[in-house]
């Protein structure tokens, strides 16, 4: 039986040589290679500042700290997301306010978001889920009206666009993931983008123990309490090579996604999530809606097809239900629907047409 994985990291000889060069240099922690990686990503997105960190989660944490979120304040997050999105709100001492999603797009429900805003709302933390960009125009209208910060969980959205602009340039701060599920990966890691020089400097300091801007050993000063969220040269070397091929990697994902849509276009029992109007989906994950999702998933896995759920509904988990640091607004009908019916199909650069045909064949048989 041939196994078709959910994703395969893009690891070539060029990537391995890049990592070996760092190992041979003897300078393994964050340094020149990480700085090059940040510079390449800055040029790609068109943002003013990039800060590399050791995970998207720590990136979201320091982004909230940079805009001043803390005790007594609230941050609104969508219910349908990986727990890290909400975890970081509690970690910085603020209250998590969870709202529902639009069941068609699986993005935050903008009406529910507005209804949840209070005088204590310091920031919102929407998710450009699976590579589908947010409606930034609508978010900016709400920001102007209510005065909150937009800290975007863009974990899956490298390469996504909205009205011709790259995701990473339209929120106050956006944070991307470099986890192996992402098509640009360093194993673990994250990239923070912002156009605010002050926040970028603060985050660069915080992730390096609160160190000041001086490069002189004699003049070193630690200006604030900080932590160690650096991204090593070893890991950055992987991402640096992958960024050289990002257009090719992204185009292949889009091509494979279009083919899935063609193969499944007339399939009864399969529905596609809606894409944001004016956006370009980066297709980090290719998701569909099916009935009896768990049964379909079990059947396909038994045939060697590694399919997966979309993500989680936070309100269903003890960490968020009936907690003093968390408030759940509404009945979460959209999130429940997505959690029960969203299925993620395999998608990776080396995937062949015959691989896709086998995935679709097994999907159709499991639906019969």
Protein backbone atom coordinates (compact mmCIF):
# COMPACT_ATOMS: atom_id res chain seq x y z
CA UNK A 1 0.00 0.00 0.00
CA UNK A 2 1.37 3.38 -1.00
CA UNK A 3 1.35 5.95 1.78
CA UNK A 4 0.47 9.52 0.83
CA UNK A 5 1.46 11.92 3.64
CA UNK A 6 -0.36 15.10 4.58
CA UNK A 7 2.72 17.19 3.80
CA UNK A 8 6.41 16.76 3.07
CA UNK A 9 8.91 19.48 3.99
CA UNK A 10 10.91 20.85 1.07
CA UNK A 11 14.35 19.55 2.08
CA UNK A 12 16.82 19.38 -0.81
CA UNK A 13 20.58 18.94 -1.04
CA UNK A 14 20.82 22.72 -1.26
CA UNK A 15 19.04 23.01 2.09
CA UNK A 16 21.30 20.37 3.66
CA UNK A 17 24.42 22.09 2.32
CA UNK A 18 23.23 25.39 3.78
CA UNK A 19 22.78 23.81 7.22
CA UNK A 20 26.17 22.06 7.01
CA UNK A 21 27.83 25.38 6.16
CA UNK A 22 26.46 26.82 9.40
CA UNK A 23 27.61 23.77 11.36
CA UNK A 24 31.07 24.06 9.84
CA UNK A 25 31.23 27.75 10.74
CA UNK A 26 30.93 26.95 14.44
CA UNK A 27 28.50 29.86 14.94
CA UNK A 28 25.21 28.10 15.61
CA UNK A 29 23.10 30.56 17.57
CA UNK A 30 21.27 33.53 16.09
CA UNK A 31 23.57 35.64 13.95
CA UNK A 32 24.32 36.59 10.35
CA UNK A 33 22.25 33.82 8.72
CA UNK A 34 19.18 34.65 10.79
CA UNK A 35 19.59 38.32 9.85
CA UNK A 36 19.75 37.33 6.16
CA UNK A 37 16.58 35.28 6.57
CA UNK A 38 14.81 38.26 8.12
CA UNK A 39 16.00 40.53 5.30
CA UNK A 40 14.78 38.15 2.59
CA UNK A 41 11.37 37.85 4.22
CA UNK A 42 11.16 41.62 4.62
CA UNK A 43 11.79 42.07 0.91
CA UNK A 44 9.27 39.37 0.00
CA UNK A 45 6.41 40.76 2.08
CA UNK A 46 7.20 44.44 1.62
CA UNK A 47 6.92 45.16 5.34
CA UNK A 48 9.30 47.53 7.14
CA UNK A 49 10.54 45.20 9.90
CA UNK A 50 10.91 41.44 10.44
CA UNK A 51 11.78 39.75 13.72
CA UNK A 52 12.66 36.04 13.67
CA UNK A 53 11.69 34.02 16.75
CA UNK A 54 11.75 30.39 17.87
CA UNK A 55 8.02 29.78 17.30
CA UNK A 56 4.85 31.46 16.11
CA UNK A 57 3.51 31.11 19.65
CA UNK A 58 6.33 33.09 21.25
CA UNK A 59 6.02 35.56 18.38
CA UNK A 60 2.36 36.16 19.19
CA UNK A 61 3.22 36.54 22.86
CA UNK A 62 5.82 39.24 22.35
CA UNK A 63 3.61 40.95 19.75
CA UNK A 64 0.91 41.34 22.41
CA UNK A 65 3.51 42.57 24.90
CA UNK A 66 4.86 45.06 22.35
CA UNK A 67 1.47 46.76 21.92
CA UNK A 68 1.02 46.85 25.69
CA UNK A 69 -1.57 44.14 26.32
CA UNK A 70 -1.68 43.12 29.96
CA UNK A 71 -3.72 42.52 33.08
CA UNK A 72 -7.27 43.88 33.12
CA UNK A 73 -7.51 44.05 29.34
CA UNK A 74 -9.25 41.85 26.79
CA UNK A 75 -8.19 40.29 23.51
CA UNK A 76 -10.76 38.83 21.11
CA UNK A 77 -9.89 35.58 19.32
CA UNK A 78 -11.86 33.19 17.08
CA UNK A 79 -13.05 29.89 18.53
CA UNK A 80 -11.89 27.81 15.58
CA UNK A 81 -8.09 27.90 15.80
CA UNK A 82 -5.13 26.12 17.33
CA UNK A 83 -4.99 26.75 21.11
CA UNK A 84 -1.79 28.80 20.82
CA UNK A 85 -3.83 31.73 19.47
CA UNK A 86 -5.67 32.03 22.76
CA UNK A 87 -2.92 30.71 25.04
CA UNK A 88 -0.75 33.76 24.47
CA UNK A 89 -3.49 36.09 25.68
CA UNK A 90 -3.57 34.37 29.06
CA UNK A 91 0.22 34.17 29.14
CA UNK A 92 0.52 37.99 29.01
CA UNK A 93 -2.13 38.28 31.74
CA UNK A 94 -5.10 39.47 29.68
CA UNK A 95 -8.57 37.98 29.36
CA UNK A 96 -9.38 35.75 26.38
CA UNK A 97 -12.67 36.63 24.70
CA UNK A 98 -13.73 33.89 22.27
CA UNK A 99 -16.15 34.55 19.42
CA UNK A 100 -17.60 32.41 16.65
CA UNK A 101 -16.47 32.04 13.06
CA UNK A 102 -18.22 32.28 9.72
CA UNK A 103 -18.93 28.61 8.87
CA UNK A 104 -18.43 29.23 5.15
CA UNK A 105 -14.95 30.80 5.36
CA UNK A 106 -13.90 29.48 8.81
CA UNK A 107 -12.53 32.97 9.53
CA UNK A 108 -13.62 35.09 12.49
CA UNK A 109 -17.21 36.30 12.26
CA UNK A 110 -16.82 40.07 11.93
CA UNK A 111 -20.30 40.81 13.31
CA UNK A 112 -19.68 38.62 16.35
CA UNK A 113 -16.31 40.32 16.76
CA UNK A 114 -17.87 43.78 16.85
CA UNK A 115 -20.51 42.71 19.36
CA UNK A 116 -17.79 41.40 21.69
CA UNK A 117 -15.86 44.69 21.84
CA UNK A 118 -15.88 46.45 25.22
CA UNK A 119 -13.95 49.40 26.67
CA UNK A 120 -11.41 46.83 27.90
CA UNK A 121 -10.68 45.46 24.41
CA UNK A 122 -7.01 46.25 23.87
CA UNK A 123 -6.45 44.08 20.81
CA UNK A 124 -8.02 41.54 18.50
CA UNK A 125 -6.17 38.43 17.38
CA UNK A 126 -7.85 37.16 14.18
CA UNK A 127 -6.48 34.18 12.26
CA UNK A 128 -5.91 34.11 8.49
CA UNK A 129 -6.75 30.44 8.69
CA UNK A 130 -5.19 27.85 6.35
CA UNK A 131 -3.80 30.67 4.18
CA UNK A 132 -7.12 32.44 3.56
CA UNK A 133 -6.54 36.19 4.09
CA UNK A 134 -8.74 38.28 6.34
CA UNK A 135 -10.97 41.12 5.19
CA UNK A 136 -8.50 43.79 6.30
CA UNK A 137 -10.67 46.63 5.01
CA UNK A 138 -13.44 45.61 7.38
CA UNK A 139 -11.01 45.14 10.26
CA UNK A 140 -9.54 48.59 9.71
CA UNK A 141 -13.01 50.15 9.84
CA UNK A 142 -13.58 48.48 13.22
CA UNK A 143 -10.12 49.49 14.42
CA UNK A 144 -10.77 53.13 13.57
CA UNK A 145 -14.15 53.00 15.30
CA UNK A 146 -13.05 51.26 18.51
CA UNK A 147 -9.32 51.93 18.78
CA UNK A 148 -7.90 48.42 19.28
CA UNK A 149 -4.72 46.89 17.87
CA UNK A 150 -4.78 44.15 15.23
CA UNK A 151 -2.31 41.39 16.04
CA UNK A 152 -2.75 38.77 13.33
CA UNK A 153 -2.15 35.07 13.73
CA UNK A 154 -0.85 34.52 10.19
CA UNK A 155 0.65 31.13 11.05
CA UNK A 156 -0.48 29.54 7.78
CA UNK A 157 -0.41 32.56 5.49
CA UNK A 158 3.04 33.06 4.00
CA UNK A 159 2.39 34.06 0.40
CA UNK A 160 -1.28 34.97 0.87
CA UNK A 161 -2.46 38.36 -0.41
CA UNK A 162 -5.35 40.79 -0.06
CA UNK A 163 -6.04 43.22 -2.90
CA UNK A 164 -2.49 42.83 -4.18
CA UNK A 165 -0.77 43.30 -0.81
CA UNK A 166 1.03 40.50 0.99
CA UNK A 167 -0.33 39.26 4.30
CA UNK A 168 2.09 40.63 6.87
CA UNK A 169 1.72 44.26 5.84
CA UNK A 170 -1.90 45.07 6.77
CA UNK A 171 -2.20 44.31 10.49
CA UNK A 172 -0.38 46.21 13.22
CA UNK A 173 1.68 43.07 13.75
CA UNK A 174 1.46 39.72 11.94
CA UNK A 175 3.10 36.50 13.07
CA UNK A 176 3.89 33.55 10.79
CA UNK A 177 4.73 29.95 11.66
CA UNK A 178 7.69 27.93 10.35
CA UNK A 179 6.41 24.61 11.74
CA UNK A 180 6.84 21.55 9.43
CA UNK A 181 3.13 21.71 8.47
CA UNK A 182 3.98 24.98 6.70
CA UNK A 183 5.52 24.96 3.22
CA UNK A 184 8.28 27.33 4.34
CA UNK A 185 9.62 25.59 7.43
CA UNK A 186 12.63 25.63 9.70
CA UNK A 187 11.39 22.76 11.86
CA UNK A 188 10.28 25.20 14.55
CA UNK A 189 10.29 28.96 14.33
CA UNK A 190 8.31 32.07 13.55
CA UNK A 191 8.54 35.42 11.76
CA UNK A 192 6.99 38.65 13.02
CA UNK A 193 6.24 41.50 10.62
CA UNK A 194 5.35 45.09 11.44
CA UNK A 195 5.68 48.57 10.01
CA UNK A 196 6.19 50.07 13.48
CA UNK A 197 9.87 50.75 14.20
CA UNK A 198 9.37 51.15 17.95
CA UNK A 199 7.60 47.80 18.34
CA UNK A 200 10.19 46.04 16.20
CA UNK A 201 13.02 47.38 18.34
CA UNK A 202 11.19 46.38 21.53
CA UNK A 203 10.58 42.84 20.27
CA UNK A 204 14.18 42.46 19.12
CA UNK A 205 15.29 43.45 22.60
CA UNK A 206 12.79 41.28 24.46
CA UNK A 207 13.66 38.13 22.52
CA UNK A 208 17.34 38.62 23.48
CA UNK A 209 16.98 38.95 27.26
CA UNK A 210 16.05 42.65 27.08
CA UNK A 211 19.40 43.72 25.69
CA UNK A 212 19.89 47.29 24.46
CA UNK A 213 20.76 48.34 20.94
CA UNK A 214 24.50 48.75 21.51
CA UNK A 215 26.81 46.20 19.85
CA UNK A 216 29.73 47.10 22.10
CA UNK A 217 30.56 44.64 24.88
CA UNK A 218 31.70 47.51 27.06
CA UNK A 219 28.46 49.36 26.38
CA UNK A 220 26.05 46.43 26.76
CA UNK A 221 23.02 47.20 28.85
CA UNK A 222 19.90 45.24 29.59
CA UNK A 223 17.05 47.71 29.37
CA UNK A 224 14.07 45.52 30.27
CA UNK A 225 13.12 42.09 31.51
CA UNK A 226 13.24 39.78 28.50
CA UNK A 227 13.53 36.18 27.44
CA UNK A 228 15.31 33.99 24.89
CA UNK A 229 13.14 33.63 21.80
CA UNK A 230 15.93 33.70 19.23
CA UNK A 231 15.96 31.67 16.01
CA UNK A 232 19.31 29.94 15.51
CA UNK A 233 21.48 30.22 12.41
CA UNK A 234 21.03 26.46 11.95
CA UNK A 235 17.28 26.74 11.56
CA UNK A 236 17.40 30.01 9.64
CA UNK A 237 19.67 28.33 7.07
CA UNK A 238 16.82 25.97 6.17
CA UNK A 239 14.32 28.78 5.69
CA UNK A 240 16.76 30.97 3.80
CA UNK A 241 17.15 28.41 1.01
CA UNK A 242 13.41 27.71 0.90
CA UNK A 243 12.68 31.42 0.49
CA UNK A 244 14.78 31.38 -2.69
CA UNK A 245 12.20 28.97 -4.12
CA UNK A 246 9.05 30.43 -2.56
CA UNK A 247 7.40 31.46 -5.83
CA UNK A 248 7.88 27.98 -7.27
CA UNK A 249 6.66 26.30 -4.07
CA UNK A 250 3.62 28.56 -3.82
CA UNK A 251 2.67 28.16 -7.47
CA UNK A 252 2.83 24.38 -7.16
CA UNK A 253 0.47 24.50 -4.16
CA UNK A 254 -1.96 26.70 -6.06
CA UNK A 255 -1.78 24.40 -9.08
CA UNK A 256 -2.44 21.30 -6.96
CA UNK A 257 -5.32 23.06 -5.20
CA UNK A 258 -6.92 24.03 -8.51
CA UNK A 259 -6.65 20.44 -9.65
CA UNK A 260 -8.31 19.17 -6.48
CA UNK A 261 -11.15 21.59 -7.14
CA UNK A 262 -11.51 20.31 -10.70
CA UNK A 263 -11.44 16.65 -9.63
CA UNK A 264 -14.02 17.24 -6.90
CA UNK A 265 -16.18 19.84 -8.67
CA UNK A 266 -19.08 17.49 -9.36
CA UNK A 267 -18.68 15.30 -6.31
CA UNK A 268 -21.87 15.08 -4.29
CA UNK A 269 -21.13 15.33 -0.61
CA UNK A 270 -18.08 17.59 -0.92
CA UNK A 271 -18.22 21.35 -0.36
CA UNK A 272 -15.41 23.88 -0.58
CA UNK A 273 -14.85 26.67 1.98
CA UNK A 274 -15.34 30.17 0.63
CA UNK A 275 -12.29 32.32 -0.06
CA UNK A 276 -12.03 35.95 0.98
CA UNK A 277 -13.18 38.31 -1.77
CA UNK A 278 -10.20 40.19 -3.18
CA UNK A 279 -7.76 37.77 -1.60
CA UNK A 280 -5.27 35.20 -2.81
CA UNK A 281 -5.36 32.05 -0.72
CA UNK A 282 -1.88 30.59 -0.16
CA UNK A 283 -3.36 27.08 0.14
CA UNK A 284 -1.29 26.15 3.14
CA UNK A 285 -3.94 23.50 3.68
CA UNK A 286 -6.51 22.20 1.21
CA UNK A 287 -9.73 21.74 3.15
CA UNK A 288 -13.17 20.48 2.25
CA UNK A 289 -16.42 19.97 4.14
CA UNK A 290 -17.90 16.47 4.28
CA UNK A 291 -20.56 14.69 6.29
CA UNK A 292 -19.33 11.99 8.69
CA UNK A 293 -15.86 13.56 8.65
CA UNK A 294 -14.45 11.17 11.24
CA UNK A 295 -15.69 8.13 9.35
CA UNK A 296 -14.21 9.43 6.11
CA UNK A 297 -10.93 10.18 7.86
CA UNK A 298 -10.73 6.71 9.37
CA UNK A 299 -11.47 5.05 6.03
CA UNK A 300 -8.89 7.09 4.10
CA UNK A 301 -6.19 6.58 6.71
CA UNK A 302 -6.74 2.83 6.53
CA UNK A 303 -5.83 3.08 2.85
CA UNK A 304 -2.59 4.98 3.50
CA UNK A 305 -3.95 8.49 2.88
CA UNK A 306 -2.91 10.82 5.68
CA UNK A 307 -5.85 13.18 6.08
CA UNK A 308 -6.46 15.39 9.10
CA UNK A 309 -9.05 17.54 10.82
CA UNK A 310 -8.92 21.28 10.17
CA UNK A 311 -8.22 22.56 13.66
CA UNK A 312 -9.91 22.80 17.08
CA UNK A 313 -12.95 24.48 18.62
CA UNK A 314 -11.51 26.06 21.74
CA UNK A 315 -14.73 26.20 23.74
CA UNK A 316 -14.86 22.38 23.74
CA UNK A 317 -11.64 22.10 25.76
CA UNK A 318 -11.14 22.35 29.54
CA UNK A 319 -8.39 24.95 29.19
CA UNK A 320 -10.95 27.48 27.95
CA UNK A 321 -14.34 26.34 29.27
CA UNK A 322 -15.52 27.89 32.56
CA UNK A 323 -12.25 29.67 33.28
CA UNK A 324 -11.88 33.06 34.96
CA UNK A 325 -9.37 34.16 32.31
CA UNK A 326 -11.67 33.28 29.42
CA UNK A 327 -15.10 34.42 28.25
CA UNK A 328 -17.00 32.54 25.54
CA UNK A 329 -19.43 34.73 23.59
CA UNK A 330 -22.27 32.97 21.76
CA UNK A 331 -23.13 29.36 21.00
CA UNK A 332 -20.34 28.70 18.48
CA UNK A 333 -22.52 27.12 15.79
CA UNK A 334 -20.06 28.08 13.05
CA UNK A 335 -17.09 26.69 14.92
CA UNK A 336 -18.91 23.46 15.75
CA UNK A 337 -19.79 22.98 12.10
CA UNK A 338 -16.19 23.52 10.97
CA UNK A 339 -14.81 21.21 13.65
CA UNK A 340 -17.21 18.40 12.75
CA UNK A 341 -17.03 18.67 8.97
CA UNK A 342 -13.66 20.13 7.89
CA UNK A 343 -11.25 17.61 6.36
CA UNK A 344 -7.70 18.45 5.25
CA UNK A 345 -6.32 16.59 2.23
CA UNK A 346 -2.63 15.89 1.44
CA UNK A 347 -0.79 18.73 -0.30
CA UNK A 348 2.97 19.04 -0.84
CA UNK A 349 5.47 20.09 -3.48
CA UNK A 350 6.41 16.59 -4.65
CA UNK A 351 2.82 15.45 -5.00
CA UNK A 352 2.05 13.93 -8.40
CA UNK A 353 -1.15 13.86 -10.41
CA UNK A 354 -1.46 10.14 -9.70
CA UNK A 355 -1.10 10.87 -5.96
CA UNK A 356 -3.98 13.33 -6.18
CA UNK A 357 -6.09 10.91 -8.17
CA UNK A 358 -5.53 8.25 -5.52
CA UNK A 359 -6.55 10.69 -2.77
CA UNK A 360 -9.73 11.58 -4.63
CA UNK A 361 -10.47 7.91 -5.41
CA UNK A 362 -10.22 6.96 -1.75
CA UNK A 363 -12.26 10.01 -0.73
CA UNK A 364 -15.08 9.11 -3.08
CA UNK A 365 -15.08 5.51 -1.94
CA UNK A 366 -15.22 6.60 1.70
CA UNK A 367 -18.19 8.84 0.91
CA UNK A 368 -20.13 6.11 -0.90
